[in-house]
Amino acid sequence: MSEMTEIDFICRCPCCENKTMYRWVHSNCSYGSQGETINADAIIKCKGCNTSGVILDWKFKCKNHDYKECSKQGAGDALSCILNIKGIPKSFKKKLTLWIAENLEDD
């Protein structure tokens, strides 16, 4: 079995208290309905146009707000959802956990 490098980006909104789980899509892409993926380095990528960026540089829109950047706390909350998805290899979870520890600690 090959190592999993990307998974579908499904999590709660990283910008607000909304607890709904979303399958995030890139709204600025005519192929955005194909969804987004995230890798263990917290890089989000649109499956349609291949635009990518780290979660802290991405903007999110949900039923509670228009496009907002997420805080470190919000990114941590969203990424913790990903760590709890069944079927993700331990190596992916371990690398993502390390990224969280290195990039989301308080300054």
PDB file of N, CA and C in Angstrom:
ATOM      1  N   MET A   1       0.850  -1.187   0.000  1.00  0.00           N
ATOM      2  CA  MET A   1       0.000   0.000   0.000  1.00  0.00           C
ATOM      3  C   MET A   1       0.887   1.240   0.000  1.00  0.00           C
ATOM      4  N   SER A   2       0.639   2.169  -0.915  1.00  0.00           N
ATOM      5  CA  SER A   2       1.461   3.374  -0.984  1.00  0.00           C
ATOM      6  C   SER A   2       1.057   4.359   0.109  1.00  0.00           C
ATOM      7  N   GLU A   3       2.003   5.221   0.463  1.00  0.00           N
ATOM      8  CA  GLU A   3       1.766   6.190   1.518  1.00  0.00           C
ATOM      9  C   GLU A   3       0.766   7.242   1.047  1.00  0.00           C
ATOM     10  N   MET A   4      -0.160   7.579   1.914  1.00  0.00           N
ATOM     11  CA  MET A   4      -1.171   8.582   1.603  1.00  0.00           C
ATOM     12  C   MET A   4      -0.539   9.964   1.758  1.00  0.00           C
ATOM     13  N   THR A   5      -0.604  10.798   0.709  1.00  0.00           N
ATOM     14  CA  THR A   5       0.007  12.117   0.775  1.00  0.00           C
ATOM     15  C   THR A   5      -1.021  13.237   0.891  1.00  0.00           C
ATOM     16  N   GLU A   6      -2.252  13.001   0.445  1.00  0.00           N
ATOM     17  CA  GLU A   6      -3.320  14.000   0.521  1.00  0.00           C
ATOM     18  C   GLU A   6      -4.625  13.302   0.865  1.00  0.00           C
ATOM     19  N   ILE A   7      -5.477  14.031   1.578  1.00  0.00           N
ATOM     20  CA  ILE A   7      -6.814  13.528   1.867  1.00  0.00           C
ATOM     21  C   ILE A   7      -7.811  14.633   1.552  1.00  0.00           C
ATOM     22  N   ASP A   8      -9.075  14.275   1.384  1.00  0.00           N
ATOM     23  CA  ASP A   8     -10.107  15.286   1.189  1.00  0.00           C
ATOM     24  C   ASP A   8     -10.142  16.188   2.411  1.00  0.00           C
ATOM     25  N   PHE A   9     -10.290  17.489   2.172  1.00  0.00           N
ATOM     26  CA  PHE A   9     -10.316  18.469   3.249  1.00  0.00           C
ATOM     27  C   PHE A   9     -11.736  18.583   3.776  1.00  0.00           C
ATOM     28  N   ILE A  10     -11.988  17.877   4.867  1.00  0.00           N
ATOM     29  CA  ILE A  10     -13.299  17.846   5.499  1.00  0.00           C
ATOM     30  C   ILE A  10     -13.095  18.178   6.970  1.00  0.00           C
ATOM     31  N   CYS A  11     -13.687  19.292   7.411  1.00  0.00           N
ATOM     32  CA  CYS A  11     -13.536  19.693   8.809  1.00  0.00           C
ATOM     33  C   CYS A  11     -14.551  20.788   9.143  1.00  0.00           C
ATOM     34  N   ARG A  12     -14.561  21.177  10.414  1.00  0.00           N
ATOM     35  CA  ARG A  12     -15.374  22.318  10.839  1.00  0.00           C
ATOM     36  C   ARG A  12     -14.734  23.598  10.310  1.00  0.00           C
ATOM     37  N   CYS A  13     -15.489  24.689  10.350  1.00  0.00           N
ATOM     38  CA  CYS A  13     -14.956  25.964   9.889  1.00  0.00           C
ATOM     39  C   CYS A  13     -13.804  26.398  10.792  1.00  0.00           C
ATOM     40  N   PRO A  14     -12.657  26.715  10.208  1.00  0.00           N
ATOM     41  CA  PRO A  14     -11.508  27.143  11.005  1.00  0.00           C
ATOM     42  C   PRO A  14     -11.593  28.590  11.488  1.00  0.00           C
ATOM     43  N   CYS A  15     -12.694  29.289  11.164  1.00  0.00           N
ATOM     44  CA  CYS A  15     -12.786  30.714  11.482  1.00  0.00           C
ATOM     45  C   CYS A  15     -13.856  31.071  12.511  1.00  0.00           C
ATOM     46  N   CYS A  16     -14.714  30.137  12.859  1.00  0.00           N
ATOM     47  CA  CYS A  16     -15.811  30.496  13.762  1.00  0.00           C
ATOM     48  C   CYS A  16     -16.248  29.284  14.580  1.00  0.00           C
ATOM     49  N   GLU A  17     -17.295  29.462  15.331  1.00  0.00           N
ATOM     50  CA  GLU A  17     -17.808  28.426  16.229  1.00  0.00           C
ATOM     51  C   GLU A  17     -18.691  27.393  15.525  1.00  0.00           C
ATOM     52  N   ASN A  18     -18.842  27.506  14.213  1.00  0.00           N
ATOM     53  CA  ASN A  18     -19.683  26.595  13.449  1.00  0.00           C
ATOM     54  C   ASN A  18     -19.154  25.159  13.585  1.00  0.00           C
ATOM     55  N   LYS A  19     -19.973  24.253  14.057  1.00  0.00           N
ATOM     56  CA  LYS A  19     -19.555  22.866  14.289  1.00  0.00           C
ATOM     57  C   LYS A  19     -19.887  21.931  13.130  1.00  0.00           C
ATOM     58  N   THR A  20     -20.497  22.476  12.064  1.00  0.00           N
ATOM     59  CA  THR A  20     -20.845  21.669  10.899  1.00  0.00           C
ATOM     60  C   THR A  20     -19.571  21.199  10.201  1.00  0.00           C
ATOM     61  N   MET A  21     -19.535  19.939   9.818  1.00  0.00           N
ATOM     62  CA  MET A  21     -18.404  19.415   9.048  1.00  0.00           C
ATOM     63  C   MET A  21     -18.656  19.717   7.572  1.00  0.00           C
ATOM     64  N   TYR A  22     -17.698  20.361   6.934  1.00  0.00           N
ATOM     65  CA  TYR A  22     -17.798  20.720   5.525  1.00  0.00           C
ATOM     66  C   TYR A  22     -16.790  19.940   4.699  1.00  0.00           C
ATOM     67  N   ARG A  23     -17.188  19.599   3.486  1.00  0.00           N
ATOM     68  CA  ARG A  23     -16.243  19.156   2.456  1.00  0.00           C
ATOM     69  C   ARG A  23     -15.937  20.436   1.698  1.00  0.00           C
ATOM     70  N   TRP A  24     -14.799  21.043   1.984  1.00  0.00           N
ATOM     71  CA  TRP A  24     -14.474  22.365   1.480  1.00  0.00           C
ATOM     72  C   TRP A  24     -14.222  22.338  -0.018  1.00  0.00           C
ATOM     73  N   VAL A  25     -14.694  23.400  -0.678  1.00  0.00           N
ATOM     74  CA  VAL A  25     -14.502  23.558  -2.111  1.00  0.00           C
ATOM     75  C   VAL A  25     -13.915  24.939  -2.379  1.00  0.00           C
ATOM     76  N   HIS A  26     -13.145  25.050  -3.423  1.00  0.00           N
ATOM     77  CA  HIS A  26     -12.492  26.299  -3.823  1.00  0.00           C
ATOM     78  C   HIS A  26     -13.497  27.134  -4.600  1.00  0.00           C
ATOM     79  N   SER A  27     -13.972  28.203  -3.984  1.00  0.00           N
ATOM     80  CA  SER A  27     -15.039  28.989  -4.603  1.00  0.00           C
ATOM     81  C   SER A  27     -14.553  29.845  -5.765  1.00  0.00           C
ATOM     82  N   ASN A  28     -13.252  30.104  -5.859  1.00  0.00           N
ATOM     83  CA  ASN A  28     -12.729  30.954  -6.926  1.00  0.00           C
ATOM     84  C   ASN A  28     -12.319  30.165  -8.164  1.00  0.00           C
ATOM     85  N   CYS A  29     -12.791  28.944  -8.272  1.00  0.00           N
ATOM     86  CA  CYS A  29     -12.391  28.061  -9.367  1.00  0.00           C
ATOM     87  C   CYS A  29     -13.642  27.523 -10.058  1.00  0.00           C
ATOM     88  N   SER A  30     -13.639  27.547 -11.373  1.00  0.00           N
ATOM     89  CA  SER A  30     -14.808  27.026 -12.088  1.00  0.00           C
ATOM     90  C   SER A  30     -14.926  25.511 -11.924  1.00  0.00           C
ATOM     91  N   TYR A  31     -13.870  24.862 -11.447  1.00  0.00           N
ATOM     92  CA  TYR A  31     -13.905  23.433 -11.162  1.00  0.00           C
ATOM     93  C   TYR A  31     -13.891  23.163  -9.659  1.00  0.00           C
ATOM     94  N   GLY A  32     -14.173  24.189  -8.860  1.00  0.00           N
ATOM     95  CA  GLY A  32     -14.068  24.100  -7.409  1.00  0.00           C
ATOM     96  C   GLY A  32     -14.943  23.035  -6.782  1.00  0.00           C
ATOM     97  N   SER A  33     -16.010  22.658  -7.459  1.00  0.00           N
ATOM     98  CA  SER A  33     -16.897  21.645  -6.888  1.00  0.00           C
ATOM     99  C   SER A  33     -16.211  20.294  -6.749  1.00  0.00           C
ATOM    100  N   GLN A  34     -15.029  20.155  -7.337  1.00  0.00           N
ATOM    101  CA  GLN A  34     -14.269  18.910  -7.187  1.00  0.00           C
ATOM    102  C   GLN A  34     -13.710  18.783  -5.778  1.00  0.00           C
ATOM    103  N   GLY A  35     -13.717  19.873  -5.033  1.00  0.00           N
ATOM    104  CA  GLY A  35     -13.281  19.834  -3.651  1.00  0.00           C
ATOM    105  C   GLY A  35     -11.822  20.194  -3.473  1.00  0.00           C
ATOM    106  N   GLU A  36     -11.408  20.140  -2.229  1.00  0.00           N
ATOM    107  CA  GLU A  36     -10.038  20.459  -1.862  1.00  0.00           C
ATOM    108  C   GLU A  36      -9.438  19.287  -1.112  1.00  0.00           C
ATOM    109  N   THR A  37      -8.123  19.217  -1.138  1.00  0.00           N
ATOM    110  CA  THR A  37      -7.394  18.218  -0.361  1.00  0.00           C
ATOM    111  C   THR A  37      -6.476  18.954   0.607  1.00  0.00           C
ATOM    112  N   ILE A  38      -5.969  18.221   1.575  1.00  0.00           N
ATOM    113  CA  ILE A  38      -4.963  18.757   2.486  1.00  0.00           C
ATOM    114  C   ILE A  38      -3.908  17.676   2.678  1.00  0.00           C
ATOM    115  N   ASN A  39      -2.661  18.108   2.816  1.00  0.00           N
ATOM    116  CA  ASN A  39      -1.603  17.128   3.058  1.00  0.00           C
ATOM    117  C   ASN A  39      -1.103  17.256   4.496  1.00  0.00           C
ATOM    118  N   ALA A  40      -0.141  16.459   4.849  1.00  0.00           N
ATOM    119  CA  ALA A  40       0.343  16.419   6.229  1.00  0.00           C
ATOM    120  C   ALA A  40       1.181  17.638   6.597  1.00  0.00           C
ATOM    121  N   ASP A  41       1.452  18.515   5.631  1.00  0.00           N
ATOM    122  CA  ASP A  41       2.124  19.787   5.899  1.00  0.00           C
ATOM    123  C   ASP A  41       1.113  20.930   5.948  1.00  0.00           C
ATOM    124  N   ALA A  42      -0.164  20.579   6.077  1.00  0.00           N
ATOM    125  CA  ALA A  42      -1.276  21.545   6.174  1.00  0.00           C
ATOM    126  C   ALA A  42      -1.405  22.417   4.931  1.00  0.00           C
ATOM    127  N   ILE A  43      -1.035  21.860   3.779  1.00  0.00           N
ATOM    128  CA  ILE A  43      -1.199  22.557   2.503  1.00  0.00           C
ATOM    129  C   ILE A  43      -2.532  22.118   1.904  1.00  0.00           C
ATOM    130  N   ILE A  44      -3.391  23.097   1.682  1.00  0.00           N
ATOM    131  CA  ILE A  44      -4.691  22.848   1.049  1.00  0.00           C
ATOM    132  C   ILE A  44      -4.508  23.033  -0.460  1.00  0.00           C
ATOM    133  N   LYS A  45      -5.145  22.155  -1.240  1.00  0.00           N
ATOM    134  CA  LYS A  45      -5.037  22.252  -2.698  1.00  0.00           C
ATOM    135  C   LYS A  45      -6.397  22.011  -3.332  1.00  0.00           C
ATOM    136  N   CYS A  46      -6.737  22.858  -4.284  1.00  0.00           N
ATOM    137  CA  CYS A  46      -7.966  22.682  -5.058  1.00  0.00           C
ATOM    138  C   CYS A  46      -7.746  21.570  -6.067  1.00  0.00           C
ATOM    139  N   LYS A  47      -8.669  20.608  -6.113  1.00  0.00           N
ATOM    140  CA  LYS A  47      -8.572  19.517  -7.088  1.00  0.00           C
ATOM    141  C   LYS A  47      -8.826  20.000  -8.508  1.00  0.00           C
ATOM    142  N   GLY A  48      -9.501  21.139  -8.655  1.00  0.00           N
ATOM    143  CA  GLY A  48      -9.825  21.637  -9.985  1.00  0.00           C
ATOM    144  C   GLY A  48      -8.711  22.412 -10.640  1.00  0.00           C
ATOM    145  N   CYS A  49      -8.205  23.450  -9.965  1.00  0.00           N
ATOM    146  CA  CYS A  49      -7.208  24.331 -10.593  1.00  0.00           C
ATOM    147  C   CYS A  49      -5.806  24.179 -10.003  1.00  0.00           C
ATOM    148  N   ASN A  50      -5.670  23.326  -8.987  1.00  0.00           N
ATOM    149  CA  ASN A  50      -4.390  23.060  -8.320  1.00  0.00           C
ATOM    150  C   ASN A  50      -3.827  24.241  -7.538  1.00  0.00           C
ATOM    151  N   THR A  51      -4.633  25.295  -7.306  1.00  0.00           N
ATOM    152  CA  THR A  51      -4.194  26.374  -6.425  1.00  0.00           C
ATOM    153  C   THR A  51      -3.960  25.768  -5.052  1.00  0.00           C
ATOM    154  N   SER A  52      -2.877  26.182  -4.396  1.00  0.00           N
ATOM    155  CA  SER A  52      -2.584  25.605  -3.088  1.00  0.00           C
ATOM    156  C   SER A  52      -2.010  26.651  -2.156  1.00  0.00           C
ATOM    157  N   GLY A  53      -2.083  26.358  -0.871  1.00  0.00           N
ATOM    158  CA  GLY A  53      -1.516  27.230   0.146  1.00  0.00           C
ATOM    159  C   GLY A  53      -1.703  26.622   1.522  1.00  0.00           C
ATOM    160  N   VAL A  54      -0.866  27.056   2.436  1.00  0.00           N
ATOM    161  CA  VAL A  54      -0.954  26.554   3.803  1.00  0.00           C
ATOM    162  C   VAL A  54      -2.258  27.050   4.437  1.00  0.00           C
ATOM    163  N   ILE A  55      -2.833  26.266   5.311  1.00  0.00           N
ATOM    164  CA  ILE A  55      -4.142  26.573   5.902  1.00  0.00           C
ATOM    165  C   ILE A  55      -4.199  27.972   6.504  1.00  0.00           C
ATOM    166  N   LEU A  56      -3.106  28.447   7.086  1.00  0.00           N
ATOM    167  CA  LEU A  56      -3.101  29.769   7.713  1.00  0.00           C
ATOM    168  C   LEU A  56      -3.192  30.910   6.705  1.00  0.00           C
ATOM    169  N   ASP A  57      -2.955  30.635   5.427  1.00  0.00           N
ATOM    170  CA  ASP A  57      -3.053  31.651   4.378  1.00  0.00           C
ATOM    171  C   ASP A  57      -4.341  31.548   3.573  1.00  0.00           C
ATOM    172  N   TRP A  58      -5.154  30.559   3.859  1.00  0.00           N
ATOM    173  CA  TRP A  58      -6.391  30.307   3.118  1.00  0.00           C
ATOM    174  C   TRP A  58      -7.519  31.103   3.765  1.00  0.00           C
ATOM    175  N   LYS A  59      -8.520  31.490   3.002  1.00  0.00           N
ATOM    176  CA  LYS A  59      -9.705  32.163   3.543  1.00  0.00           C
ATOM    177  C   LYS A  59     -10.889  31.225   3.413  1.00  0.00           C
ATOM    178  N   PHE A  60     -11.801  31.292   4.384  1.00  0.00           N
ATOM    179  CA  PHE A  60     -12.933  30.377   4.453  1.00  0.00           C
ATOM    180  C   PHE A  60     -14.234  31.143   4.545  1.00  0.00           C
ATOM    181  N   LYS A  61     -15.261  30.584   3.923  1.00  0.00           N
ATOM    182  CA  LYS A  61     -16.610  31.145   3.962  1.00  0.00           C
ATOM    183  C   LYS A  61     -17.540  30.032   4.402  1.00  0.00           C
ATOM    184  N   CYS A  62     -18.363  30.315   5.415  1.00  0.00           N
ATOM    185  CA  CYS A  62     -19.378  29.358   5.839  1.00  0.00           C
ATOM    186  C   CYS A  62     -20.691  30.111   6.038  1.00  0.00           C
ATOM    187  N   LYS A  63     -21.682  29.449   6.547  1.00  0.00           N
ATOM    188  CA  LYS A  63     -23.000  30.079   6.715  1.00  0.00           C
ATOM    189  C   LYS A  63     -22.962  31.243   7.702  1.00  0.00           C
ATOM    190  N   ASN A  64     -21.905  31.337   8.517  1.00  0.00           N
ATOM    191  CA  ASN A  64     -21.826  32.394   9.529  1.00  0.00           C
ATOM    192  C   ASN A  64     -21.052  33.633   9.083  1.00  0.00           C
ATOM    193  N   HIS A  65     -20.291  33.555   7.996  1.00  0.00           N
ATOM    194  CA  HIS A  65     -19.462  34.691   7.599  1.00  0.00           C
ATOM    195  C   HIS A  65     -18.980  34.536   6.167  1.00  0.00           C
ATOM    196  N   ASP A  66     -18.547  35.687   5.600  1.00  0.00           N
ATOM    197  CA  ASP A  66     -17.887  35.657   4.299  1.00  0.00           C
ATOM    198  C   ASP A  66     -16.425  35.301   4.514  1.00  0.00           C
ATOM    199  N   TYR A  67     -15.630  35.451   3.524  1.00  0.00           N
ATOM    200  CA  TYR A  67     -14.243  34.969   3.531  1.00  0.00           C
ATOM    201  C   TYR A  67     -13.437  35.582   4.671  1.00  0.00           C
ATOM    202  N   LYS A  68     -12.886  34.702   5.500  1.00  0.00           N
ATOM    203  CA  LYS A  68     -12.054  35.122   6.627  1.00  0.00           C
ATOM    204  C   LYS A  68     -10.835  34.216   6.714  1.00  0.00           C
ATOM    205  N   GLU A  69      -9.724  34.795   7.144  1.00  0.00           N
ATOM    206  CA  GLU A  69      -8.547  33.987   7.446  1.00  0.00           C
ATOM    207  C   GLU A  69      -8.765  33.350   8.808  1.00  0.00           C
ATOM    208  N   CYS A  70      -8.170  32.207   9.012  1.00  0.00           N
ATOM    209  CA  CYS A  70      -8.337  31.542  10.299  1.00  0.00           C
ATOM    210  C   CYS A  70      -7.201  31.914  11.251  1.00  0.00           C
ATOM    211  N   SER A  71      -7.495  31.810  12.511  1.00  0.00           N
ATOM    212  CA  SER A  71      -6.479  32.009  13.540  1.00  0.00           C
ATOM    213  C   SER A  71      -5.692  30.709  13.717  1.00  0.00           C
ATOM    214  N   LYS A  72      -4.623  30.777  14.487  1.00  0.00           N
ATOM    215  CA  LYS A  72      -3.879  29.556  14.795  1.00  0.00           C
ATOM    216  C   LYS A  72      -4.779  28.578  15.552  1.00  0.00           C
ATOM    217  N   GLN A  73      -5.587  29.100  16.470  1.00  0.00           N
ATOM    218  CA  GLN A  73      -6.510  28.234  17.224  1.00  0.00           C
ATOM    219  C   GLN A  73      -7.512  27.575  16.282  1.00  0.00           C
ATOM    220  N   GLY A  74      -8.065  28.353  15.359  1.00  0.00           N
ATOM    221  CA  GLY A  74      -9.023  27.813  14.399  1.00  0.00           C
ATOM    222  C   GLY A  74      -8.403  26.751  13.502  1.00  0.00           C
ATOM    223  N   ALA A  75      -7.179  27.002  13.054  1.00  0.00           N
ATOM    224  CA  ALA A  75      -6.485  26.008  12.232  1.00  0.00           C
ATOM    225  C   ALA A  75      -6.253  24.733  13.034  1.00  0.00           C
ATOM    226  N   GLY A  76      -5.861  24.889  14.290  1.00  0.00           N
ATOM    227  CA  GLY A  76      -5.643  23.717  15.147  1.00  0.00           C
ATOM    228  C   GLY A  76      -6.910  22.912  15.340  1.00  0.00           C
ATOM    229  N   ASP A  77      -8.029  23.611  15.547  1.00  0.00           N
ATOM    230  CA  ASP A  77      -9.312  22.925  15.714  1.00  0.00           C
ATOM    231  C   ASP A  77      -9.689  22.155  14.442  1.00  0.00           C
ATOM    232  N   ALA A  78      -9.513  22.799  13.294  1.00  0.00           N
ATOM    233  CA  ALA A  78      -9.850  22.149  12.025  1.00  0.00           C
ATOM    234  C   ALA A  78      -8.948  20.941  11.773  1.00  0.00           C
ATOM    235  N   LEU A  79      -7.660  21.107  12.017  1.00  0.00           N
ATOM    236  CA  LEU A  79      -6.728  20.006  11.772  1.00  0.00           C
ATOM    237  C   LEU A  79      -6.940  18.858  12.748  1.00  0.00           C
ATOM    238  N   SER A  80      -7.412  19.164  13.951  1.00  0.00           N
ATOM    239  CA  SER A  80      -7.697  18.080  14.900  1.00  0.00           C
ATOM    240  C   SER A  80      -8.847  17.218  14.397  1.00  0.00           C
ATOM    241  N   CYS A  81      -9.794  17.810  13.647  1.00  0.00           N
ATOM    242  CA  CYS A  81     -10.866  17.015  13.016  1.00  0.00           C
ATOM    243  C   CYS A  81     -10.252  15.998  12.060  1.00  0.00           C
ATOM    244  N   ILE A  82      -9.266  16.449  11.301  1.00  0.00           N
ATOM    245  CA  ILE A  82      -8.622  15.578  10.324  1.00  0.00           C
ATOM    246  C   ILE A  82      -7.893  14.439  11.017  1.00  0.00           C
ATOM    247  N   LEU A  83      -7.278  14.734  12.155  1.00  0.00           N
ATOM    248  CA  LEU A  83      -6.561  13.687  12.891  1.00  0.00           C
ATOM    249  C   LEU A  83      -7.496  12.589  13.382  1.00  0.00           C
ATOM    250  N   ASN A  84      -8.787  12.899  13.482  1.00  0.00           N
ATOM    251  CA  ASN A  84      -9.755  11.932  13.987  1.00  0.00           C
ATOM    252  C   ASN A  84     -10.487  11.159  12.894  1.00  0.00           C
ATOM    253  N   ILE A  85     -10.164  11.407  11.640  1.00  0.00           N
ATOM    254  CA  ILE A  85     -10.807  10.675  10.548  1.00  0.00           C
ATOM    255  C   ILE A  85     -10.255   9.255  10.508  1.00  0.00           C
ATOM    256  N   LYS A  86     -11.141   8.303  10.472  1.00  0.00           N
ATOM    257  CA  LYS A  86     -10.730   6.893  10.413  1.00  0.00           C
ATOM    258  C   LYS A  86     -10.108   6.575   9.062  1.00  0.00           C
ATOM    259  N   GLY A  87      -9.138   5.696   9.083  1.00  0.00           N
ATOM    260  CA  GLY A  87      -8.535   5.219   7.854  1.00  0.00           C
ATOM    261  C   GLY A  87      -7.319   5.999   7.388  1.00  0.00           C
ATOM    262  N   ILE A  88      -6.973   7.072   8.088  1.00  0.00           N
ATOM    263  CA  ILE A  88      -5.779   7.828   7.718  1.00  0.00           C
ATOM    264  C   ILE A  88      -4.570   7.152   8.348  1.00  0.00           C
ATOM    265  N   PRO A  89      -3.542   6.898   7.572  1.00  0.00           N
ATOM    266  CA  PRO A  89      -2.363   6.206   8.109  1.00  0.00           C
ATOM    267  C   PRO A  89      -1.714   6.959   9.274  1.00  0.00           C
ATOM    268  N   LYS A  90      -1.130   6.204  10.172  1.00  0.00           N
ATOM    269  CA  LYS A  90      -0.456   6.794  11.331  1.00  0.00           C
ATOM    270  C   LYS A  90       0.661   7.731  10.901  1.00  0.00           C
ATOM    271  N   SER A  91       1.351   7.413   9.814  1.00  0.00           N
ATOM    272  CA  SER A  91       2.453   8.264   9.354  1.00  0.00           C
ATOM    273  C   SER A  91       1.943   9.654   8.960  1.00  0.00           C
ATOM    274  N   PHE A  92       0.777   9.731   8.314  1.00  0.00           N
ATOM    275  CA  PHE A  92       0.170  11.005   7.936  1.00  0.00           C
ATOM    276  C   PHE A  92      -0.199  11.777   9.194  1.00  0.00           C
ATOM    277  N   LYS A  93      -0.859  11.091  10.142  1.00  0.00           N
ATOM    278  CA  LYS A  93      -1.272  11.746  11.384  1.00  0.00           C
ATOM    279  C   LYS A  93      -0.069  12.237  12.183  1.00  0.00           C
ATOM    280  N   LYS A  94       0.984  11.437  12.217  1.00  0.00           N
ATOM    281  CA  LYS A  94       2.183  11.811  12.962  1.00  0.00           C
ATOM    282  C   LYS A  94       2.820  13.068  12.366  1.00  0.00           C
ATOM    283  N   LYS A  95       2.922  13.119  11.040  1.00  0.00           N
ATOM    284  CA  LYS A  95       3.520  14.277  10.379  1.00  0.00           C
ATOM    285  C   LYS A  95       2.654  15.520  10.570  1.00  0.00           C
ATOM    286  N   LEU A  96       1.327  15.385  10.462  1.00  0.00           N
ATOM    287  CA  LEU A  96       0.433  16.520  10.664  1.00  0.00           C
ATOM    288  C   LEU A  96       0.486  17.000  12.112  1.00  0.00           C
ATOM    289  N   THR A  97       0.559  16.082  13.058  1.00  0.00           N
ATOM    290  CA  THR A  97       0.669  16.451  14.473  1.00  0.00           C
ATOM    291  C   THR A  97       1.945  17.244  14.709  1.00  0.00           C
ATOM    292  N   LEU A  98       3.035  16.841  14.087  1.00  0.00           N
ATOM    293  CA  LEU A  98       4.300  17.558  14.213  1.00  0.00           C
ATOM    294  C   LEU A  98       4.178  18.958  13.615  1.00  0.00           C
ATOM    295  N   TRP A  99       3.514  19.075  12.462  1.00  0.00           N
ATOM    296  CA  TRP A  99       3.307  20.387  11.847  1.00  0.00           C
ATOM    297  C   TRP A  99       2.514  21.289  12.790  1.00  0.00           C
ATOM    298  N   ILE A 100       1.466  20.750  13.389  1.00  0.00           N
ATOM    299  CA  ILE A 100       0.653  21.526  14.335  1.00  0.00           C
ATOM    300  C   ILE A 100       1.523  22.030  15.482  1.00  0.00           C
ATOM    301  N   ALA A 101       2.316  21.155  16.065  1.00  0.00           N
ATOM    302  CA  ALA A 101       3.163  21.527  17.201  1.00  0.00           C
ATOM    303  C   ALA A 101       4.180  22.605  16.820  1.00  0.00           C
ATOM    304  N   GLU A 102       4.716  22.513  15.628  1.00  0.00           N
ATOM    305  CA  GLU A 102       5.749  23.457  15.208  1.00  0.00           C
ATOM    306  C   GLU A 102       5.179  24.796  14.726  1.00  0.00           C
ATOM    307  N   ASN A 103       3.973  24.810  14.184  1.00  0.00           N
ATOM    308  CA  ASN A 103       3.454  26.011  13.542  1.00  0.00           C
ATOM    309  C   ASN A 103       2.312  26.706  14.267  1.00  0.00           C
ATOM    310  N   LEU A 104       1.687  26.026  15.202  1.00  0.00           N
ATOM    311  CA  LEU A 104       0.517  26.631  15.854  1.00  0.00           C
ATOM    312  C   LEU A 104       0.736  26.935  17.321  1.00  0.00           C
ATOM    313  N   GLU A 105       1.969  26.793  17.789  1.00  0.00           N
ATOM    314  CA  GLU A 105       2.219  27.113  19.189  1.00  0.00           C
ATOM    315  C   GLU A 105       2.089  28.617  19.394  1.00  0.00           C
ATOM    316  N   ASP A 106       1.744  29.002  20.617  1.00  0.00           N
ATOM    317  CA  ASP A 106       1.614  30.421  20.945  1.00  0.00           C
ATOM    318  C   ASP A 106       2.961  31.107  20.834  1.00  0.00           C
ATOM    319  N   ASP A 107       2.932  32.344  20.324  1.00  0.00           N
ATOM    320  CA  ASP A 107       4.178  33.129  20.194  1.00  0.00           C
ATOM    321  C   ASP A 107       4.598  33.694  21.535  1.00  0.00           C
TER     322      ASP A 107
END
